[in-house]
Amino acid sequence: MRQQQELIMEADSEAFNIITKYNIALPRPTHEESHALDLKLIQRGQQVPIIVNAHMDILDGYTRHDLLAQRGKKIKYQIMKFPDKTSEYEFVVETNVMKRQLTPFQRVEAMYGFFLQTKLDRRLLNREAHFDIFKALSKGAVTIKDIMKLTKYSKKTIHRLCEELSESGWVSRESKVIKSEDSSGKVFGVKTFCFKLLPKGFEALDKSKPRELGSSIDLLGQVVGLGINRVHYAVQIIKSDNKDVMDKCRRGVISLHNGFALCYPTKKISRKGETHEVWKSYSRIKCPNCGGIHERKEYSLVR
């Protein structure tokens, strides 16, 4: 639980620290919004203090800080203490992203720089994905399908991780035939791998630090309030660096699904080495005249 001090104090603008990853990544107000806030500060003064941590790092109120600093005014501030960096981060997300009227793409874009990349780097360096497998197995997961439900990792990723853990003696792997039943009531056997956490794995899990279970994409979706598929589309659009599509998604002109289809059209290479697009059930068609994006089923074949 975070605790807020009731005392409101004043200081010069130089006393505050600008956190680059917050200042750059978080959504900034438009020119009109900034101008309106500037007028309010001139007419009424600073009524709401900016929020800082114990080190005077700004957590909320960058725009107010900039506008007051330009006029050489003293800035009212309030210190908020947090038990750890995670709680501080959650506060920054809540105040700067979730309370603003942003499109789904803007939400992911705002958090992508200092949240997703940090999570991905931390997992690669500390091998924390292995501990997610340990935790899933300790919760009763047995098959790859069970692990997928808990971790939100892809089937390919779980295969790779479990193979590494099995070879290192952390997890046991055994091939079994599991009985299943189809819609007609017919019983058939499905061959699959079953995994079990070994004592070495339990010992490593006990020593690990408590953390949320889930892939980086899934955790990002929980923060910004979007499903894993929409977050995946948004992240891939950002990675494509397609300015036109990013601008349309940012303004809500096209959906994240349509934006992803424009950035990554499915292509197939023929035997002659020629590349041509492959149309699928979810493919979208862009009109060369109006620029509109339509579904394939809206058109009929004429030749």
C-alpha atoms as a PDB file:
ATOM      1  CA  MET A   1       0.000   0.000   0.000  1.00  0.00           C
ATOM      2  CA  ARG A   2       1.283   3.458  -0.868  1.00  0.00           C
ATOM      3  CA  GLN A   3       1.013   6.248   1.688  1.00  0.00           C
ATOM      4  CA  GLN A   4       0.565   9.890   0.805  1.00  0.00           C
ATOM      5  CA  GLN A   5       1.783  12.765   2.970  1.00  0.00           C
ATOM      6  CA  GLU A   6      -0.798  15.485   3.529  1.00  0.00           C
ATOM      7  CA  LEU A   7       1.767  18.319   3.693  1.00  0.00           C
ATOM      8  CA  ILE A   8       1.916  20.480   0.552  1.00  0.00           C
ATOM      9  CA  MET A   9       5.207  22.314   0.076  1.00  0.00           C
ATOM     10  CA  GLU A  10       6.746  24.717  -2.446  1.00  0.00           C
ATOM     11  CA  ALA A  11      10.099  24.702  -4.247  1.00  0.00           C
ATOM     12  CA  ASP A  12      11.825  26.180  -7.296  1.00  0.00           C
ATOM     13  CA  SER A  13      11.658  24.242 -10.560  1.00  0.00           C
ATOM     14  CA  GLU A  14      15.357  23.288 -10.295  1.00  0.00           C
ATOM     15  CA  ALA A  15      14.639  21.226  -7.164  1.00  0.00           C
ATOM     16  CA  PHE A  16      12.703  18.612  -9.146  1.00  0.00           C
ATOM     17  CA  ASN A  17      14.142  15.724 -11.159  1.00  0.00           C
ATOM     18  CA  ILE A  18      12.877  14.944 -14.652  1.00  0.00           C
ATOM     19  CA  ILE A  19      12.627  11.181 -15.201  1.00  0.00           C
ATOM     20  CA  THR A  20      13.305  10.764 -18.919  1.00  0.00           C
ATOM     21  CA  LYS A  21      11.496   7.451 -19.345  1.00  0.00           C
ATOM     22  CA  TYR A  22       8.338   8.958 -17.797  1.00  0.00           C
ATOM     23  CA  ASN A  23       8.578  12.346 -19.518  1.00  0.00           C
ATOM     24  CA  ILE A  24       9.155  10.928 -23.013  1.00  0.00           C
ATOM     25  CA  ALA A  25       6.976   7.853 -22.897  1.00  0.00           C
ATOM     26  CA  LEU A  26       3.852   9.256 -21.278  1.00  0.00           C
ATOM     27  CA  PRO A  27       1.251  10.969 -23.466  1.00  0.00           C
ATOM     28  CA  ARG A  28       1.626  14.724 -23.627  1.00  0.00           C
ATOM     29  CA  PRO A  29      -1.318  17.151 -23.854  1.00  0.00           C
ATOM     30  CA  THR A  30      -2.223  18.736 -27.171  1.00  0.00           C
ATOM     31  CA  HIS A  31      -1.400  22.384 -27.918  1.00  0.00           C
ATOM     32  CA  GLU A  32      -4.988  23.386 -27.107  1.00  0.00           C
ATOM     33  CA  GLU A  33      -4.991  21.465 -23.800  1.00  0.00           C
ATOM     34  CA  SER A  34      -1.630  22.934 -22.806  1.00  0.00           C
ATOM     35  CA  HIS A  35      -2.802  26.475 -23.651  1.00  0.00           C
ATOM     36  CA  ALA A  36      -6.004  26.005 -21.610  1.00  0.00           C
ATOM     37  CA  LEU A  37      -4.018  24.768 -18.607  1.00  0.00           C
ATOM     38  CA  ASP A  38      -1.634  27.716 -18.924  1.00  0.00           C
ATOM     39  CA  LEU A  39      -4.565  30.164 -18.782  1.00  0.00           C
ATOM     40  CA  LYS A  40      -5.944  28.434 -15.680  1.00  0.00           C
ATOM     41  CA  LEU A  41      -2.580  28.688 -13.953  1.00  0.00           C
ATOM     42  CA  ILE A  42      -2.421  32.425 -14.766  1.00  0.00           C
ATOM     43  CA  GLN A  43      -5.968  33.145 -13.581  1.00  0.00           C
ATOM     44  CA  ARG A  44      -6.247  30.876 -10.524  1.00  0.00           C
ATOM     45  CA  GLY A  45      -2.682  29.867  -9.723  1.00  0.00           C
ATOM     46  CA  GLN A  46      -1.581  26.294  -9.061  1.00  0.00           C
ATOM     47  CA  GLN A  47      -4.471  24.621  -7.271  1.00  0.00           C
ATOM     48  CA  VAL A  48      -3.325  20.997  -7.672  1.00  0.00           C
ATOM     49  CA  PRO A  49       0.218  20.117  -6.501  1.00  0.00           C
ATOM     50  CA  ILE A  50       2.474  17.921  -8.603  1.00  0.00           C
ATOM     51  CA  ILE A  51       3.327  14.497  -7.159  1.00  0.00           C
ATOM     52  CA  VAL A  52       6.940  13.488  -6.488  1.00  0.00           C
ATOM     53  CA  ASN A  53       8.667  10.624  -4.689  1.00  0.00           C
ATOM     54  CA  ALA A  54      11.111  10.905  -1.795  1.00  0.00           C
ATOM     55  CA  HIS A  55      13.958  11.730  -4.219  1.00  0.00           C
ATOM     56  CA  MET A  56      11.992  14.635  -5.793  1.00  0.00           C
ATOM     57  CA  ASP A  57      11.458  12.672  -9.021  1.00  0.00           C
ATOM     58  CA  ILE A  58       8.301  13.913 -10.764  1.00  0.00           C
ATOM     59  CA  LEU A  59       5.637  11.212 -11.047  1.00  0.00           C
ATOM     60  CA  ASP A  60       2.631  13.293 -12.048  1.00  0.00           C
ATOM     61  CA  GLY A  61       2.469  16.899 -13.258  1.00  0.00           C
ATOM     62  CA  TYR A  62       5.144  17.336 -15.935  1.00  0.00           C
ATOM     63  CA  THR A  63       3.058  19.825 -17.907  1.00  0.00           C
ATOM     64  CA  ARG A  64       2.296  21.952 -14.832  1.00  0.00           C
ATOM     65  CA  HIS A  65       5.994  21.863 -13.912  1.00  0.00           C
ATOM     66  CA  ASP A  66       7.048  23.049 -17.393  1.00  0.00           C
ATOM     67  CA  LEU A  67       4.478  25.868 -17.550  1.00  0.00           C
ATOM     68  CA  LEU A  68       5.254  27.185 -14.058  1.00  0.00           C
ATOM     69  CA  ALA A  69       9.005  26.882 -14.628  1.00  0.00           C
ATOM     70  CA  GLN A  70       8.716  29.050 -17.752  1.00  0.00           C
ATOM     71  CA  ARG A  71       7.186  31.826 -15.625  1.00  0.00           C
ATOM     72  CA  GLY A  72       9.702  31.452 -12.802  1.00  0.00           C
ATOM     73  CA  LYS A  73       6.991  30.545 -10.291  1.00  0.00           C
ATOM     74  CA  LYS A  74       7.468  28.387  -7.223  1.00  0.00           C
ATOM     75  CA  ILE A  75       5.860  24.984  -7.656  1.00  0.00           C
ATOM     76  CA  LYS A  76       3.613  23.313  -5.106  1.00  0.00           C
ATOM     77  CA  TYR A  77       4.355  19.649  -4.628  1.00  0.00           C
ATOM     78  CA  GLN A  78       3.358  16.693  -2.528  1.00  0.00           C
ATOM     79  CA  ILE A  79       5.562  13.724  -1.654  1.00  0.00           C
ATOM     80  CA  MET A  80       4.151  10.224  -2.052  1.00  0.00           C
ATOM     81  CA  LYS A  81       5.990   7.243  -0.623  1.00  0.00           C
ATOM     82  CA  PHE A  82       5.891   3.745  -2.118  1.00  0.00           C
ATOM     83  CA  PRO A  83       7.060   0.402  -0.700  1.00  0.00           C
ATOM     84  CA  ASP A  84       8.799  -0.522  -3.964  1.00  0.00           C
ATOM     85  CA  LYS A  85       9.400   0.565  -7.566  1.00  0.00           C
ATOM     86  CA  THR A  86       6.525  -1.581  -8.839  1.00  0.00           C
ATOM     87  CA  SER A  87       3.979   0.325  -6.742  1.00  0.00           C
ATOM     88  CA  GLU A  88       5.470   3.619  -7.906  1.00  0.00           C
ATOM     89  CA  TYR A  89       5.247   2.485 -11.508  1.00  0.00           C
ATOM     90  CA  GLU A  90       1.603   1.424 -11.088  1.00  0.00           C
ATOM     91  CA  PHE A  91       0.783   4.890  -9.728  1.00  0.00           C
ATOM     92  CA  VAL A  92       2.421   6.580 -12.724  1.00  0.00           C
ATOM     93  CA  VAL A  93       0.421   4.351 -15.088  1.00  0.00           C
ATOM     94  CA  GLU A  94      -2.841   4.992 -13.281  1.00  0.00           C
ATOM     95  CA  THR A  95      -2.502   8.780 -13.163  1.00  0.00           C
ATOM     96  CA  ASN A  96      -0.944   9.407 -16.574  1.00  0.00           C
ATOM     97  CA  VAL A  97      -2.494   6.797 -18.854  1.00  0.00           C
ATOM     98  CA  MET A  98      -5.649   5.170 -17.540  1.00  0.00           C
ATOM     99  CA  LYS A  99      -7.299   8.455 -16.460  1.00  0.00           C
ATOM    100  CA  ARG A 100      -6.931  10.057 -19.899  1.00  0.00           C
ATOM    101  CA  GLN A 101      -9.140   9.658 -22.945  1.00  0.00           C
ATOM    102  CA  LEU A 102      -6.718   7.714 -25.135  1.00  0.00           C
ATOM    103  CA  THR A 103      -7.313   5.364 -28.032  1.00  0.00           C
ATOM    104  CA  PRO A 104      -6.227   1.719 -27.539  1.00  0.00           C
ATOM    105  CA  PHE A 105      -3.113   2.298 -29.677  1.00  0.00           C
ATOM    106  CA  GLN A 106      -2.138   5.394 -27.681  1.00  0.00           C
ATOM    107  CA  ARG A 107      -2.392   3.420 -24.441  1.00  0.00           C
ATOM    108  CA  VAL A 108      -0.009   0.733 -25.671  1.00  0.00           C
ATOM    109  CA  GLU A 109       2.256   3.304 -27.334  1.00  0.00           C
ATOM    110  CA  ALA A 110       2.501   5.316 -24.114  1.00  0.00           C
ATOM    111  CA  MET A 111       3.587   2.314 -22.045  1.00  0.00           C
ATOM    112  CA  TYR A 112       5.666   0.538 -24.682  1.00  0.00           C
ATOM    113  CA  GLY A 113       8.894   2.447 -24.214  1.00  0.00           C
ATOM    114  CA  PHE A 114       9.575   1.960 -20.518  1.00  0.00           C
ATOM    115  CA  PHE A 115       7.342  -0.985 -19.628  1.00  0.00           C
ATOM    116  CA  LEU A 116       7.374  -3.617 -22.360  1.00  0.00           C
ATOM    117  CA  GLN A 117      11.028  -3.279 -23.287  1.00  0.00           C
ATOM    118  CA  THR A 118      12.094  -3.326 -19.639  1.00  0.00           C
ATOM    119  CA  LYS A 119      10.080  -6.483 -19.039  1.00  0.00           C
ATOM    120  CA  LEU A 120      11.488  -8.195 -22.109  1.00  0.00           C
ATOM    121  CA  ASP A 121      15.084  -7.269 -21.257  1.00  0.00           C
ATOM    122  CA  ARG A 122      14.636  -8.395 -17.654  1.00  0.00           C
ATOM    123  CA  ARG A 123      13.275 -11.758 -18.729  1.00  0.00           C
ATOM    124  CA  LEU A 124      16.126 -12.367 -21.166  1.00  0.00           C
ATOM    125  CA  LEU A 125      18.791 -11.436 -18.621  1.00  0.00           C
ATOM    126  CA  ASN A 126      17.370 -13.104 -15.517  1.00  0.00           C
ATOM    127  CA  ARG A 127      15.708 -16.117 -17.187  1.00  0.00           C
ATOM    128  CA  GLU A 128      12.509 -15.273 -15.313  1.00  0.00           C
ATOM    129  CA  ALA A 129      10.398 -17.056 -17.926  1.00  0.00           C
ATOM    130  CA  HIS A 130      11.707 -20.316 -16.453  1.00  0.00           C
ATOM    131  CA  PHE A 131      10.281 -19.348 -13.071  1.00  0.00           C
ATOM    132  CA  ASP A 132       6.903 -18.754 -14.730  1.00  0.00           C
ATOM    133  CA  ILE A 133       7.006 -22.395 -15.870  1.00  0.00           C
ATOM    134  CA  PHE A 134       7.921 -23.492 -12.319  1.00  0.00           C
ATOM    135  CA  LYS A 135       5.030 -21.497 -10.897  1.00  0.00           C
ATOM    136  CA  ALA A 136       2.546 -22.871 -13.452  1.00  0.00           C
ATOM    137  CA  LEU A 137       3.591 -26.456 -12.677  1.00  0.00           C
ATOM    138  CA  SER A 138       3.329 -25.795  -8.934  1.00  0.00           C
ATOM    139  CA  LYS A 139      -0.258 -24.579  -9.500  1.00  0.00           C
ATOM    140  CA  GLY A 140      -1.254 -27.934 -11.005  1.00  0.00           C
ATOM    141  CA  ALA A 141      -0.467 -27.475 -14.704  1.00  0.00           C
ATOM    142  CA  VAL A 142       0.620 -30.727 -16.367  1.00  0.00           C
ATOM    143  CA  THR A 143       0.438 -30.359 -20.141  1.00  0.00           C
ATOM    144  CA  ILE A 144       1.590 -27.591 -22.469  1.00  0.00           C
ATOM    145  CA  LYS A 145      -2.038 -26.527 -22.894  1.00  0.00           C
ATOM    146  CA  ASP A 146      -2.366 -26.100 -19.116  1.00  0.00           C
ATOM    147  CA  ILE A 147       0.809 -23.999 -18.979  1.00  0.00           C
ATOM    148  CA  MET A 148      -0.428 -21.828 -21.857  1.00  0.00           C
ATOM    149  CA  LYS A 149      -3.611 -20.947 -19.927  1.00  0.00           C
ATOM    150  CA  LEU A 150      -1.644 -19.734 -16.895  1.00  0.00           C
ATOM    151  CA  THR A 151       1.348 -18.031 -18.500  1.00  0.00           C
ATOM    152  CA  LYS A 152      -0.118 -16.789 -21.820  1.00  0.00           C
ATOM    153  CA  TYR A 153       3.125 -17.895 -23.497  1.00  0.00           C
ATOM    154  CA  SER A 154       2.980 -19.333 -27.017  1.00  0.00           C
ATOM    155  CA  LYS A 155       3.111 -23.093 -27.577  1.00  0.00           C
ATOM    156  CA  LYS A 156       6.495 -22.776 -29.271  1.00  0.00           C
ATOM    157  CA  THR A 157       7.972 -20.812 -26.347  1.00  0.00           C
ATOM    158  CA  ILE A 158       6.725 -23.330 -23.771  1.00  0.00           C
ATOM    159  CA  HIS A 159       8.159 -26.206 -25.811  1.00  0.00           C
ATOM    160  CA  ARG A 160      11.570 -24.517 -25.835  1.00  0.00           C
ATOM    161  CA  LEU A 161      11.542 -23.579 -22.142  1.00  0.00           C
ATOM    162  CA  CYS A 162      10.382 -26.998 -20.949  1.00  0.00           C
ATOM    163  CA  GLU A 163      12.989 -28.726 -23.087  1.00  0.00           C
ATOM    164  CA  GLU A 164      15.732 -26.574 -21.533  1.00  0.00           C
ATOM    165  CA  LEU A 165      14.453 -27.252 -18.008  1.00  0.00           C
ATOM    166  CA  SER A 166      14.119 -30.971 -18.679  1.00  0.00           C
ATOM    167  CA  GLU A 167      17.689 -31.245 -19.931  1.00  0.00           C
ATOM    168  CA  SER A 168      18.946 -29.369 -16.842  1.00  0.00           C
ATOM    169  CA  GLY A 169      17.071 -31.615 -14.391  1.00  0.00           C
ATOM    170  CA  TRP A 170      14.599 -29.003 -13.117  1.00  0.00           C
ATOM    171  CA  VAL A 171      11.502 -30.570 -14.703  1.00  0.00           C
ATOM    172  CA  SER A 172      10.606 -34.119 -15.685  1.00  0.00           C
ATOM    173  CA  ARG A 173       9.058 -34.776 -19.090  1.00  0.00           C
ATOM    174  CA  GLU A 174       7.067 -37.882 -19.957  1.00  0.00           C
ATOM    175  CA  SER A 175       5.115 -38.808 -23.074  1.00  0.00           C
ATOM    176  CA  LYS A 176       1.566 -39.967 -22.314  1.00  0.00           C
ATOM    177  CA  VAL A 177      -1.668 -40.685 -24.153  1.00  0.00           C
ATOM    178  CA  ILE A 178      -4.559 -38.655 -22.753  1.00  0.00           C
ATOM    179  CA  LYS A 179      -8.115 -39.708 -23.528  1.00  0.00           C
ATOM    180  CA  SER A 180     -10.352 -37.045 -25.054  1.00  0.00           C
ATOM    181  CA  GLU A 181     -13.884 -36.877 -26.400  1.00  0.00           C
ATOM    182  CA  ASP A 182     -15.183 -35.061 -29.484  1.00  0.00           C
ATOM    183  CA  SER A 183     -18.587 -33.440 -30.013  1.00  0.00           C
ATOM    184  CA  SER A 184     -20.155 -36.705 -31.190  1.00  0.00           C
ATOM    185  CA  GLY A 185     -19.109 -38.536 -28.034  1.00  0.00           C
ATOM    186  CA  LYS A 186     -16.359 -40.576 -29.676  1.00  0.00           C
ATOM    187  CA  VAL A 187     -13.408 -41.231 -27.362  1.00  0.00           C
ATOM    188  CA  PHE A 188      -9.899 -41.074 -28.801  1.00  0.00           C
ATOM    189  CA  GLY A 189      -6.352 -40.826 -27.467  1.00  0.00           C
ATOM    190  CA  VAL A 190      -4.095 -37.792 -27.848  1.00  0.00           C
ATOM    191  CA  LYS A 191      -0.344 -38.197 -27.415  1.00  0.00           C
ATOM    192  CA  THR A 192       1.211 -35.330 -25.488  1.00  0.00           C
ATOM    193  CA  PHE A 193       4.021 -34.453 -23.088  1.00  0.00           C
ATOM    194  CA  CYS A 194       3.298 -34.262 -19.365  1.00  0.00           C
ATOM    195  CA  PHE A 195       5.593 -32.242 -17.104  1.00  0.00           C
ATOM    196  CA  LYS A 196       6.286 -32.378 -13.388  1.00  0.00           C
ATOM    197  CA  LEU A 197       8.317 -30.065 -11.177  1.00  0.00           C
ATOM    198  CA  LEU A 198      11.305 -31.846  -9.599  1.00  0.00           C
ATOM    199  CA  PRO A 199      12.764 -31.054  -6.124  1.00  0.00           C
ATOM    200  CA  LYS A 200      15.463 -28.918  -7.749  1.00  0.00           C
ATOM    201  CA  GLY A 201      12.739 -26.831  -9.383  1.00  0.00           C
ATOM    202  CA  PHE A 202      10.772 -26.458  -6.110  1.00  0.00           C
ATOM    203  CA  GLU A 203      13.931 -25.233  -4.394  1.00  0.00           C
ATOM    204  CA  ALA A 204      14.554 -22.618  -7.107  1.00  0.00           C
ATOM    205  CA  LEU A 205      10.910 -21.481  -6.943  1.00  0.00           C
ATOM    206  CA  ASP A 206      11.123 -20.960  -3.168  1.00  0.00           C
ATOM    207  CA  LYS A 207      14.196 -18.752  -3.585  1.00  0.00           C
ATOM    208  CA  SER A 208      12.688 -16.628  -6.370  1.00  0.00           C
ATOM    209  CA  LYS A 209      11.128 -13.228  -5.687  1.00  0.00           C
ATOM    210  CA  PRO A 210       7.317 -12.893  -5.818  1.00  0.00           C
ATOM    211  CA  ARG A 211       6.156 -11.602  -9.203  1.00  0.00           C
ATOM    212  CA  GLU A 212       3.123 -11.623 -11.461  1.00  0.00           C
ATOM    213  CA  LEU A 213       2.628 -14.684 -13.637  1.00  0.00           C
ATOM    214  CA  GLY A 214       2.274 -14.039 -17.351  1.00  0.00           C
ATOM    215  CA  SER A 215       4.049 -13.045 -20.542  1.00  0.00           C
ATOM    216  CA  SER A 216       5.189  -9.471 -21.128  1.00  0.00           C
ATOM    217  CA  ILE A 217       2.402  -8.884 -23.651  1.00  0.00           C
ATOM    218  CA  ASP A 218      -0.205 -10.203 -21.216  1.00  0.00           C
ATOM    219  CA  LEU A 219       1.086  -8.027 -18.362  1.00  0.00           C
ATOM    220  CA  LEU A 220       1.062  -4.966 -20.609  1.00  0.00           C
ATOM    221  CA  GLY A 221      -2.537  -5.761 -21.573  1.00  0.00           C
ATOM    222  CA  GLN A 222      -3.547  -5.914 -17.902  1.00  0.00           C
ATOM    223  CA  VAL A 223      -1.979  -2.499 -17.285  1.00  0.00           C
ATOM    224  CA  VAL A 224      -3.616  -0.695 -20.216  1.00  0.00           C
ATOM    225  CA  GLY A 225      -6.891  -2.639 -20.063  1.00  0.00           C
ATOM    226  CA  LEU A 226      -6.710  -4.389 -23.451  1.00  0.00           C
ATOM    227  CA  GLY A 227      -6.829  -8.015 -24.602  1.00  0.00           C
ATOM    228  CA  ILE A 228      -3.636  -9.847 -25.479  1.00  0.00           C
ATOM    229  CA  ASN A 229      -4.397  -9.887 -29.226  1.00  0.00           C
ATOM    230  CA  ARG A 230      -4.991  -6.129 -29.450  1.00  0.00           C
ATOM    231  CA  VAL A 231      -1.796  -5.457 -27.494  1.00  0.00           C
ATOM    232  CA  HIS A 232       0.110  -7.783 -29.827  1.00  0.00           C
ATOM    233  CA  TYR A 233      -1.221  -5.917 -32.885  1.00  0.00           C
ATOM    234  CA  ALA A 234      -0.296  -2.539 -31.374  1.00  0.00           C
ATOM    235  CA  VAL A 235       3.230  -3.675 -30.447  1.00  0.00           C
ATOM    236  CA  GLN A 236       3.848  -5.054 -33.937  1.00  0.00           C
ATOM    237  CA  ILE A 237       2.586  -1.810 -35.522  1.00  0.00           C
ATOM    238  CA  ILE A 238       5.024   0.169 -33.361  1.00  0.00           C
ATOM    239  CA  LYS A 239       7.866  -2.162 -34.375  1.00  0.00           C
ATOM    240  CA  SER A 240       7.008  -1.756 -38.073  1.00  0.00           C
ATOM    241  CA  ASP A 241       7.576   2.028 -37.767  1.00  0.00           C
ATOM    242  CA  ASN A 242       4.921   2.645 -40.434  1.00  0.00           C
ATOM    243  CA  LYS A 243       4.179   6.326 -39.758  1.00  0.00           C
ATOM    244  CA  ASP A 244       0.963   6.441 -41.793  1.00  0.00           C
ATOM    245  CA  VAL A 245      -0.605   3.400 -40.115  1.00  0.00           C
ATOM    246  CA  MET A 246       0.575   4.501 -36.665  1.00  0.00           C
ATOM    247  CA  ASP A 247      -1.024   7.923 -37.142  1.00  0.00           C
ATOM    248  CA  LYS A 248      -4.353   6.396 -38.227  1.00  0.00           C
ATOM    249  CA  CYS A 249      -4.362   3.968 -35.287  1.00  0.00           C
ATOM    250  CA  ARG A 250      -3.410   6.785 -32.942  1.00  0.00           C
ATOM    251  CA  ARG A 251      -6.403   8.843 -34.098  1.00  0.00           C
ATOM    252  CA  GLY A 252      -8.723   5.818 -34.077  1.00  0.00           C
ATOM    253  CA  VAL A 253      -9.379   5.996 -37.836  1.00  0.00           C
ATOM    254  CA  ILE A 254      -8.611   2.282 -38.270  1.00  0.00           C
ATOM    255  CA  SER A 255      -8.638  -0.583 -35.791  1.00  0.00           C
ATOM    256  CA  LEU A 256      -5.496  -2.272 -34.475  1.00  0.00           C
ATOM    257  CA  HIS A 257      -6.376  -5.410 -36.450  1.00  0.00           C
ATOM    258  CA  ASN A 258      -6.625  -3.472 -39.715  1.00  0.00           C
ATOM    259  CA  GLY A 259      -3.433  -1.595 -38.940  1.00  0.00           C
ATOM    260  CA  PHE A 260      -1.586  -4.867 -38.344  1.00  0.00           C
ATOM    261  CA  ALA A 261      -2.892  -6.269 -41.646  1.00  0.00           C
ATOM    262  CA  LEU A 262      -1.572  -3.192 -43.493  1.00  0.00           C
ATOM    263  CA  CYS A 263       1.871  -3.395 -41.867  1.00  0.00           C
ATOM    264  CA  TYR A 264       2.316  -7.137 -42.282  1.00  0.00           C
ATOM    265  CA  PRO A 265       0.523  -8.406 -45.411  1.00  0.00           C
ATOM    266  CA  THR A 266       0.810 -12.179 -45.747  1.00  0.00           C
ATOM    267  CA  LYS A 267       3.060 -13.042 -48.691  1.00  0.00           C
ATOM    268  CA  LYS A 268       4.064 -16.261 -50.407  1.00  0.00           C
ATOM    269  CA  ILE A 269       7.065 -16.960 -52.642  1.00  0.00           C
ATOM    270  CA  SER A 270       6.313 -19.055 -55.729  1.00  0.00           C
ATOM    271  CA  ARG A 271       8.639 -21.632 -57.271  1.00  0.00           C
ATOM    272  CA  LYS A 272       9.859 -19.040 -59.764  1.00  0.00           C
ATOM    273  CA  GLY A 273      10.913 -16.769 -56.911  1.00  0.00           C
ATOM    274  CA  GLU A 274       8.051 -14.320 -57.422  1.00  0.00           C
ATOM    275  CA  THR A 275       6.400 -12.884 -54.311  1.00  0.00           C
ATOM    276  CA  HIS A 276       2.635 -12.445 -54.212  1.00  0.00           C
ATOM    277  CA  GLU A 277       0.098 -11.756 -51.480  1.00  0.00           C
ATOM    278  CA  VAL A 278      -2.022 -14.533 -50.010  1.00  0.00           C
ATOM    279  CA  TRP A 279      -5.614 -13.635 -49.198  1.00  0.00           C
ATOM    280  CA  LYS A 280      -7.088 -15.198 -46.065  1.00  0.00           C
ATOM    281  CA  SER A 281     -10.404 -15.013 -44.246  1.00  0.00           C
ATOM    282  CA  TYR A 282      -9.188 -12.105 -42.092  1.00  0.00           C
ATOM    283  CA  SER A 283      -7.487 -10.208 -44.950  1.00  0.00           C
ATOM    284  CA  ARG A 284      -8.453  -6.592 -45.539  1.00  0.00           C
ATOM    285  CA  ILE A 285      -8.596  -4.678 -48.834  1.00  0.00           C
ATOM    286  CA  LYS A 286      -7.491  -1.058 -49.115  1.00  0.00           C
ATOM    287  CA  CYS A 287      -9.289   1.017 -51.768  1.00  0.00           C
ATOM    288  CA  PRO A 288      -6.752   2.906 -53.946  1.00  0.00           C
ATOM    289  CA  ASN A 289      -9.276   5.727 -54.510  1.00  0.00           C
ATOM    290  CA  CYS A 290     -10.707   6.577 -51.080  1.00  0.00           C
ATOM    291  CA  GLY A 291      -8.132   4.808 -48.911  1.00  0.00           C
ATOM    292  CA  GLY A 292     -10.865   2.933 -47.050  1.00  0.00           C
ATOM    293  CA  ILE A 293     -10.235  -0.534 -45.645  1.00  0.00           C
ATOM    294  CA  HIS A 294     -12.834  -3.222 -46.275  1.00  0.00           C
ATOM    295  CA  GLU A 295     -13.285  -6.907 -45.600  1.00  0.00           C
ATOM    296  CA  ARG A 296     -12.800  -9.401 -48.378  1.00  0.00           C
ATOM    297  CA  LYS A 297     -16.346 -10.764 -47.979  1.00  0.00           C
ATOM    298  CA  GLU A 298     -17.761  -7.363 -48.945  1.00  0.00           C
ATOM    299  CA  TYR A 299     -16.583  -7.908 -52.521  1.00  0.00           C
ATOM    300  CA  SER A 300     -17.593 -10.455 -55.156  1.00  0.00           C
ATOM    301  CA  LEU A 301     -15.347 -12.164 -57.707  1.00  0.00           C
ATOM    302  CA  VAL A 302     -15.913 -10.816 -61.251  1.00  0.00           C
ATOM    303  CA  ARG A 303     -13.262 -12.777 -63.139  1.00  0.00           C
END
